[in-house]
């Protein structure tokens, strides 16, 4: 599971950096300030979540069950939360109206929160000698 966490954390981190650079250099001239702020929010949360996965991989006291749950919750959460934000922020640039997927954003956020909650509950139950 540590390998999966490292790969996912590195992948989402890399994509987050790429999307952040793309927004700063490619999207800035064509998006409103509000849409840029929205896009940047997606990038920030993606990068925070990538770091979460990397730290979790290096955490020896977290069980495999906790790591697996956090891996899936975080990965799907990033796709739903940040992914939907990217589409919503660039909605004006496409012919498809991405506002129809707007409810995916809070679902993704809830999954990200749930991953942290799983780790918190695990830490509370932990008995360190």
N, C-alpha and C. Protein backbone atom coordinates (compact mmCIF):
# COMPACT_ATOMS: atom_id res chain seq x y z
N UNK A 1 0.83 -1.20 0.00
CA UNK A 1 0.00 0.00 0.00
C UNK A 1 0.87 1.26 0.00
N UNK A 2 2.03 1.20 0.65
CA UNK A 2 2.90 2.38 0.67
C UNK A 2 3.32 2.80 -0.74
N UNK A 3 3.58 1.81 -1.59
CA UNK A 3 3.96 2.11 -2.97
C UNK A 3 2.82 2.84 -3.70
N UNK A 4 1.59 2.35 -3.52
CA UNK A 4 0.43 3.01 -4.15
C UNK A 4 0.28 4.44 -3.64
N UNK A 5 0.44 4.63 -2.34
CA UNK A 5 0.33 5.97 -1.77
C UNK A 5 1.40 6.90 -2.32
N UNK A 6 2.63 6.40 -2.42
CA UNK A 6 3.72 7.21 -2.96
C UNK A 6 3.47 7.57 -4.42
N UNK A 7 3.04 6.60 -5.21
CA UNK A 7 2.77 6.84 -6.62
C UNK A 7 1.62 7.83 -6.79
N UNK A 8 0.55 7.62 -6.05
CA UNK A 8 -0.61 8.53 -6.15
C UNK A 8 -0.23 9.93 -5.68
N UNK A 9 0.48 10.03 -4.57
CA UNK A 9 0.89 11.34 -4.06
C UNK A 9 1.79 12.06 -5.03
N UNK A 10 2.75 11.35 -5.61
CA UNK A 10 3.66 11.96 -6.59
C UNK A 10 2.90 12.36 -7.85
N UNK A 11 2.00 11.50 -8.31
CA UNK A 11 1.22 11.80 -9.52
C UNK A 11 0.33 13.03 -9.32
N UNK A 12 -0.46 13.00 -8.24
CA UNK A 12 -1.36 14.14 -8.00
C UNK A 12 -0.58 15.43 -7.73
N UNK A 13 0.57 15.31 -7.08
CA UNK A 13 1.43 16.47 -6.86
C UNK A 13 1.96 17.03 -8.16
N UNK A 14 2.44 16.15 -9.02
CA UNK A 14 2.97 16.56 -10.32
C UNK A 14 1.87 17.24 -11.17
N UNK A 15 0.71 16.62 -11.22
CA UNK A 15 -0.40 17.19 -12.00
C UNK A 15 -0.84 18.53 -11.40
N UNK A 16 -0.83 18.63 -10.08
CA UNK A 16 -1.18 19.89 -9.43
C UNK A 16 -0.23 21.01 -9.81
N UNK A 17 1.06 20.71 -9.83
CA UNK A 17 2.06 21.71 -10.24
C UNK A 17 1.85 22.10 -11.70
N UNK A 18 1.62 21.11 -12.55
CA UNK A 18 1.38 21.38 -13.98
C UNK A 18 0.14 22.25 -14.15
N UNK A 19 -0.96 21.89 -13.48
CA UNK A 19 -2.19 22.68 -13.60
C UNK A 19 -2.01 24.10 -13.05
N UNK A 20 -1.26 24.22 -11.95
CA UNK A 20 -1.01 25.54 -11.39
C UNK A 20 -0.21 26.42 -12.35
N UNK A 21 0.81 25.84 -12.96
CA UNK A 21 1.61 26.59 -13.93
C UNK A 21 0.79 26.93 -15.17
N UNK A 22 -0.01 25.97 -15.63
CA UNK A 22 -0.87 26.21 -16.79
C UNK A 22 -1.85 27.35 -16.51
N UNK A 23 -2.41 27.36 -15.31
CA UNK A 23 -3.35 28.42 -14.96
C UNK A 23 -2.65 29.78 -14.93
N UNK A 24 -1.49 29.81 -14.31
CA UNK A 24 -0.76 31.09 -14.18
C UNK A 24 -0.30 31.64 -15.52
N UNK A 25 0.06 30.77 -16.43
CA UNK A 25 0.62 31.24 -17.70
C UNK A 25 -0.33 31.13 -18.88
N UNK A 26 -1.18 30.11 -18.88
CA UNK A 26 -2.06 29.91 -20.03
C UNK A 26 -3.48 30.39 -19.85
N UNK A 27 -3.99 30.26 -18.64
CA UNK A 27 -5.39 30.62 -18.40
C UNK A 27 -5.58 32.05 -17.91
N UNK A 28 -4.57 32.62 -17.30
CA UNK A 28 -4.71 33.96 -16.72
C UNK A 28 -5.24 34.99 -17.72
N UNK A 29 -4.76 34.97 -18.97
CA UNK A 29 -5.27 35.97 -19.92
C UNK A 29 -6.73 35.75 -20.34
N UNK A 30 -7.25 34.53 -20.19
CA UNK A 30 -8.60 34.24 -20.71
C UNK A 30 -9.67 34.02 -19.64
N UNK A 31 -9.27 33.91 -18.38
CA UNK A 31 -10.25 33.71 -17.31
C UNK A 31 -10.41 34.97 -16.48
N UNK A 32 -11.59 35.13 -15.91
CA UNK A 32 -11.82 36.24 -14.99
C UNK A 32 -11.04 36.00 -13.71
N UNK A 33 -10.88 37.03 -12.92
CA UNK A 33 -10.17 36.91 -11.65
C UNK A 33 -10.88 35.90 -10.74
N UNK A 34 -12.20 35.91 -10.77
CA UNK A 34 -12.97 34.97 -9.94
C UNK A 34 -12.73 33.53 -10.38
N UNK A 35 -12.75 33.29 -11.69
CA UNK A 35 -12.51 31.94 -12.20
C UNK A 35 -11.08 31.49 -11.92
N UNK A 36 -10.12 32.42 -12.00
CA UNK A 36 -8.73 32.07 -11.66
C UNK A 36 -8.63 31.66 -10.20
N UNK A 37 -9.29 32.41 -9.33
CA UNK A 37 -9.29 32.07 -7.91
C UNK A 37 -9.90 30.71 -7.66
N UNK A 38 -10.96 30.40 -8.37
CA UNK A 38 -11.61 29.10 -8.25
C UNK A 38 -10.67 27.99 -8.70
N UNK A 39 -10.02 28.18 -9.84
CA UNK A 39 -9.08 27.20 -10.37
C UNK A 39 -7.95 26.98 -9.38
N UNK A 40 -7.42 28.06 -8.83
CA UNK A 40 -6.32 27.97 -7.86
C UNK A 40 -6.73 27.22 -6.60
N UNK A 41 -7.99 27.34 -6.21
CA UNK A 41 -8.49 26.58 -5.06
C UNK A 41 -8.40 25.08 -5.35
N UNK A 42 -8.80 24.69 -6.55
CA UNK A 42 -8.68 23.28 -6.93
C UNK A 42 -7.24 22.80 -6.88
N UNK A 43 -6.32 23.63 -7.36
CA UNK A 43 -4.89 23.27 -7.35
C UNK A 43 -4.39 23.13 -5.91
N UNK A 44 -4.74 24.09 -5.06
CA UNK A 44 -4.28 24.04 -3.67
C UNK A 44 -4.73 22.76 -2.97
N UNK A 45 -6.01 22.45 -3.09
CA UNK A 45 -6.52 21.26 -2.41
C UNK A 45 -5.94 19.98 -3.00
N UNK A 46 -5.67 19.99 -4.30
CA UNK A 46 -5.03 18.82 -4.90
C UNK A 46 -3.63 18.65 -4.33
N UNK A 47 -2.88 19.73 -4.21
CA UNK A 47 -1.52 19.64 -3.67
C UNK A 47 -1.52 19.26 -2.20
N UNK A 48 -2.45 19.83 -1.41
CA UNK A 48 -2.55 19.45 0.00
C UNK A 48 -2.82 17.95 0.11
N UNK A 49 -3.71 17.46 -0.73
CA UNK A 49 -4.08 16.04 -0.67
C UNK A 49 -2.94 15.15 -1.15
N UNK A 50 -2.18 15.60 -2.13
CA UNK A 50 -1.00 14.84 -2.59
C UNK A 50 0.00 14.71 -1.45
N UNK A 51 0.22 15.79 -0.73
CA UNK A 51 1.14 15.75 0.42
C UNK A 51 0.61 14.82 1.51
N UNK A 52 -0.70 14.83 1.72
CA UNK A 52 -1.32 13.94 2.68
C UNK A 52 -1.01 12.48 2.34
N UNK A 53 -1.14 12.13 1.06
CA UNK A 53 -0.84 10.75 0.64
C UNK A 53 0.62 10.40 0.86
N UNK A 54 1.52 11.34 0.56
CA UNK A 54 2.95 11.09 0.74
C UNK A 54 3.31 10.90 2.22
N UNK A 55 2.75 11.73 3.06
CA UNK A 55 3.01 11.62 4.50
C UNK A 55 2.43 10.30 5.03
N UNK A 56 1.24 9.97 4.58
CA UNK A 56 0.60 8.73 5.02
C UNK A 56 1.45 7.51 4.65
N UNK A 57 2.07 7.54 3.48
CA UNK A 57 2.93 6.42 3.06
C UNK A 57 4.11 6.25 4.01
N UNK A 58 4.59 7.34 4.56
CA UNK A 58 5.76 7.29 5.44
C UNK A 58 5.38 7.11 6.91
N UNK A 59 4.12 6.99 7.20
CA UNK A 59 3.64 6.88 8.58
C UNK A 59 3.62 5.42 9.01
N UNK A 60 4.60 4.99 9.79
CA UNK A 60 4.68 3.56 10.13
C UNK A 60 3.60 3.10 11.10
N UNK A 61 2.99 4.00 11.83
CA UNK A 61 2.01 3.57 12.83
C UNK A 61 0.59 3.46 12.27
N UNK A 62 0.38 3.89 11.02
CA UNK A 62 -0.94 3.74 10.41
C UNK A 62 -1.07 2.33 9.87
N UNK A 63 -2.20 1.69 10.13
CA UNK A 63 -2.41 0.32 9.67
C UNK A 63 -2.66 0.30 8.15
N UNK A 64 -2.52 -0.87 7.58
CA UNK A 64 -2.79 -1.03 6.13
C UNK A 64 -4.24 -0.70 5.82
N UNK A 65 -5.13 -1.07 6.73
CA UNK A 65 -6.56 -0.80 6.53
C UNK A 65 -6.82 0.71 6.47
N UNK A 66 -6.20 1.45 7.38
CA UNK A 66 -6.35 2.91 7.40
C UNK A 66 -5.74 3.53 6.14
N UNK A 67 -4.57 3.05 5.77
CA UNK A 67 -3.90 3.58 4.58
C UNK A 67 -4.73 3.33 3.33
N UNK A 68 -5.30 2.14 3.24
CA UNK A 68 -6.12 1.80 2.07
C UNK A 68 -7.36 2.68 2.00
N UNK A 69 -8.04 2.85 3.12
CA UNK A 69 -9.24 3.69 3.15
C UNK A 69 -8.90 5.12 2.78
N UNK A 70 -7.83 5.65 3.36
CA UNK A 70 -7.41 7.02 3.06
C UNK A 70 -7.00 7.17 1.60
N UNK A 71 -6.34 6.16 1.05
CA UNK A 71 -5.93 6.18 -0.36
C UNK A 71 -7.14 6.36 -1.26
N UNK A 72 -8.15 5.51 -1.08
CA UNK A 72 -9.32 5.58 -1.96
C UNK A 72 -10.13 6.85 -1.72
N UNK A 73 -10.36 7.20 -0.47
CA UNK A 73 -11.12 8.43 -0.18
C UNK A 73 -10.43 9.66 -0.76
N UNK A 74 -9.12 9.74 -0.60
CA UNK A 74 -8.38 10.91 -1.08
C UNK A 74 -8.30 10.93 -2.60
N UNK A 75 -8.01 9.81 -3.21
CA UNK A 75 -7.89 9.77 -4.67
C UNK A 75 -9.20 10.13 -5.35
N UNK A 76 -10.28 9.53 -4.92
CA UNK A 76 -11.59 9.85 -5.50
C UNK A 76 -11.99 11.27 -5.15
N UNK A 77 -11.67 11.69 -3.92
CA UNK A 77 -11.97 13.06 -3.50
C UNK A 77 -11.27 14.09 -4.36
N UNK A 78 -9.99 13.85 -4.69
CA UNK A 78 -9.25 14.78 -5.56
C UNK A 78 -9.92 14.84 -6.94
N UNK A 79 -10.23 13.68 -7.49
CA UNK A 79 -10.86 13.66 -8.82
C UNK A 79 -12.19 14.41 -8.83
N UNK A 80 -13.01 14.17 -7.81
CA UNK A 80 -14.31 14.83 -7.76
C UNK A 80 -14.19 16.31 -7.40
N UNK A 81 -13.45 16.62 -6.34
CA UNK A 81 -13.38 18.00 -5.86
C UNK A 81 -12.57 18.88 -6.82
N UNK A 82 -11.29 18.59 -6.95
CA UNK A 82 -10.45 19.43 -7.80
C UNK A 82 -10.86 19.31 -9.26
N UNK A 83 -11.14 18.09 -9.70
CA UNK A 83 -11.54 17.90 -11.10
C UNK A 83 -12.76 18.72 -11.48
N UNK A 84 -13.79 18.69 -10.64
CA UNK A 84 -15.00 19.46 -10.95
C UNK A 84 -14.72 20.96 -10.88
N UNK A 85 -13.86 21.37 -9.97
CA UNK A 85 -13.51 22.80 -9.88
C UNK A 85 -12.79 23.25 -11.14
N UNK A 86 -11.88 22.43 -11.66
CA UNK A 86 -11.19 22.79 -12.90
C UNK A 86 -12.19 23.00 -14.03
N UNK A 87 -13.14 22.07 -14.15
CA UNK A 87 -14.14 22.20 -15.20
C UNK A 87 -15.05 23.41 -14.98
N UNK A 88 -15.47 23.62 -13.75
CA UNK A 88 -16.35 24.76 -13.47
C UNK A 88 -15.64 26.10 -13.70
N UNK A 89 -14.38 26.18 -13.34
CA UNK A 89 -13.63 27.43 -13.50
C UNK A 89 -13.40 27.76 -14.97
N UNK A 90 -13.30 26.75 -15.81
CA UNK A 90 -13.07 26.97 -17.24
C UNK A 90 -14.35 26.80 -18.06
N UNK A 91 -15.48 26.82 -17.40
CA UNK A 91 -16.78 26.59 -18.05
C UNK A 91 -17.02 27.54 -19.22
N UNK A 92 -16.58 28.79 -19.09
CA UNK A 92 -16.83 29.78 -20.14
C UNK A 92 -16.04 29.49 -21.42
N UNK A 93 -15.08 28.61 -21.34
CA UNK A 93 -14.22 28.31 -22.50
C UNK A 93 -14.74 27.12 -23.33
N UNK A 94 -15.81 26.49 -22.88
CA UNK A 94 -16.30 25.29 -23.57
C UNK A 94 -17.75 25.46 -23.97
N UNK A 95 -18.21 24.60 -24.83
CA UNK A 95 -19.62 24.63 -25.24
C UNK A 95 -20.49 23.81 -24.28
N UNK A 96 -19.85 22.93 -23.48
CA UNK A 96 -20.60 22.13 -22.51
C UNK A 96 -20.74 22.93 -21.22
N UNK A 97 -21.92 22.87 -20.62
CA UNK A 97 -22.15 23.57 -19.36
C UNK A 97 -21.84 22.65 -18.19
N UNK A 98 -20.67 22.87 -17.59
CA UNK A 98 -20.21 22.01 -16.50
C UNK A 98 -20.93 22.27 -15.18
N UNK A 99 -21.83 23.24 -15.15
CA UNK A 99 -22.58 23.47 -13.90
C UNK A 99 -23.48 22.29 -13.57
N UNK A 100 -23.73 21.41 -14.54
CA UNK A 100 -24.54 20.22 -14.27
C UNK A 100 -23.82 19.24 -13.35
N UNK A 101 -22.50 19.37 -13.24
CA UNK A 101 -21.74 18.47 -12.35
C UNK A 101 -21.35 19.15 -11.04
N UNK A 102 -21.93 20.31 -10.78
CA UNK A 102 -21.53 21.10 -9.61
C UNK A 102 -21.71 20.35 -8.29
N UNK A 103 -22.64 19.43 -8.22
CA UNK A 103 -22.86 18.68 -6.97
C UNK A 103 -21.75 17.68 -6.68
N UNK A 104 -20.91 17.41 -7.66
CA UNK A 104 -19.78 16.51 -7.45
C UNK A 104 -18.74 17.18 -6.54
N UNK A 105 -18.64 18.49 -6.60
CA UNK A 105 -17.64 19.22 -5.82
C UNK A 105 -17.79 18.99 -4.32
N UNK A 106 -18.97 19.22 -3.73
CA UNK A 106 -19.08 18.96 -2.28
C UNK A 106 -18.93 17.48 -1.92
N UNK A 107 -19.31 16.58 -2.83
CA UNK A 107 -19.10 15.16 -2.58
C UNK A 107 -17.60 14.87 -2.48
N UNK A 108 -16.83 15.42 -3.41
CA UNK A 108 -15.38 15.26 -3.38
C UNK A 108 -14.77 15.84 -2.12
N UNK A 109 -15.24 17.01 -1.72
CA UNK A 109 -14.76 17.62 -0.48
C UNK A 109 -15.08 16.76 0.73
N UNK A 110 -16.26 16.17 0.73
CA UNK A 110 -16.64 15.27 1.83
C UNK A 110 -15.74 14.04 1.89
N UNK A 111 -15.36 13.54 0.72
CA UNK A 111 -14.45 12.38 0.70
C UNK A 111 -13.07 12.76 1.23
N UNK A 112 -12.60 13.96 0.89
CA UNK A 112 -11.31 14.42 1.41
C UNK A 112 -11.35 14.57 2.93
N UNK A 113 -12.42 15.13 3.42
CA UNK A 113 -12.60 15.28 4.87
C UNK A 113 -12.67 13.90 5.54
N UNK A 114 -13.36 12.98 4.88
CA UNK A 114 -13.50 11.62 5.44
C UNK A 114 -12.14 10.93 5.57
N UNK A 115 -11.25 11.16 4.62
CA UNK A 115 -9.91 10.56 4.71
C UNK A 115 -9.19 11.07 5.96
N UNK A 116 -9.27 12.35 6.20
CA UNK A 116 -8.65 12.91 7.41
C UNK A 116 -9.33 12.36 8.66
N UNK A 117 -10.64 12.18 8.59
CA UNK A 117 -11.37 11.66 9.75
C UNK A 117 -10.96 10.22 10.05
N UNK A 118 -10.76 9.42 9.01
CA UNK A 118 -10.30 8.04 9.20
C UNK A 118 -8.95 8.04 9.91
N UNK A 119 -8.04 8.90 9.47
CA UNK A 119 -6.73 8.98 10.12
C UNK A 119 -6.85 9.48 11.55
N UNK A 120 -7.71 10.47 11.79
CA UNK A 120 -7.91 10.99 13.14
C UNK A 120 -8.45 9.92 14.08
N UNK A 121 -9.46 9.22 13.65
CA UNK A 121 -10.04 8.16 14.49
C UNK A 121 -9.00 7.08 14.77
N UNK A 122 -8.23 6.75 13.76
CA UNK A 122 -7.16 5.76 13.95
C UNK A 122 -6.14 6.24 14.97
N UNK A 123 -5.79 7.51 14.90
CA UNK A 123 -4.82 8.06 15.85
C UNK A 123 -5.37 8.09 17.27
N UNK A 124 -6.65 8.39 17.41
CA UNK A 124 -7.27 8.42 18.74
C UNK A 124 -7.28 7.03 19.35
N UNK A 125 -7.53 6.01 18.53
CA UNK A 125 -7.56 4.63 19.00
C UNK A 125 -6.18 4.03 19.23
N UNK A 126 -5.16 4.69 18.72
CA UNK A 126 -3.79 4.17 18.78
C UNK A 126 -3.28 4.12 20.21
N UNK A 127 -2.64 3.02 20.52
CA UNK A 127 -2.02 2.87 21.83
C UNK A 127 -0.52 2.73 21.62
N UNK A 128 0.20 3.82 21.82
CA UNK A 128 1.64 3.82 21.62
C UNK A 128 2.31 3.45 22.93
N UNK A 129 3.27 2.53 22.82
CA UNK A 129 4.00 2.08 24.02
C UNK A 129 5.20 2.94 24.27
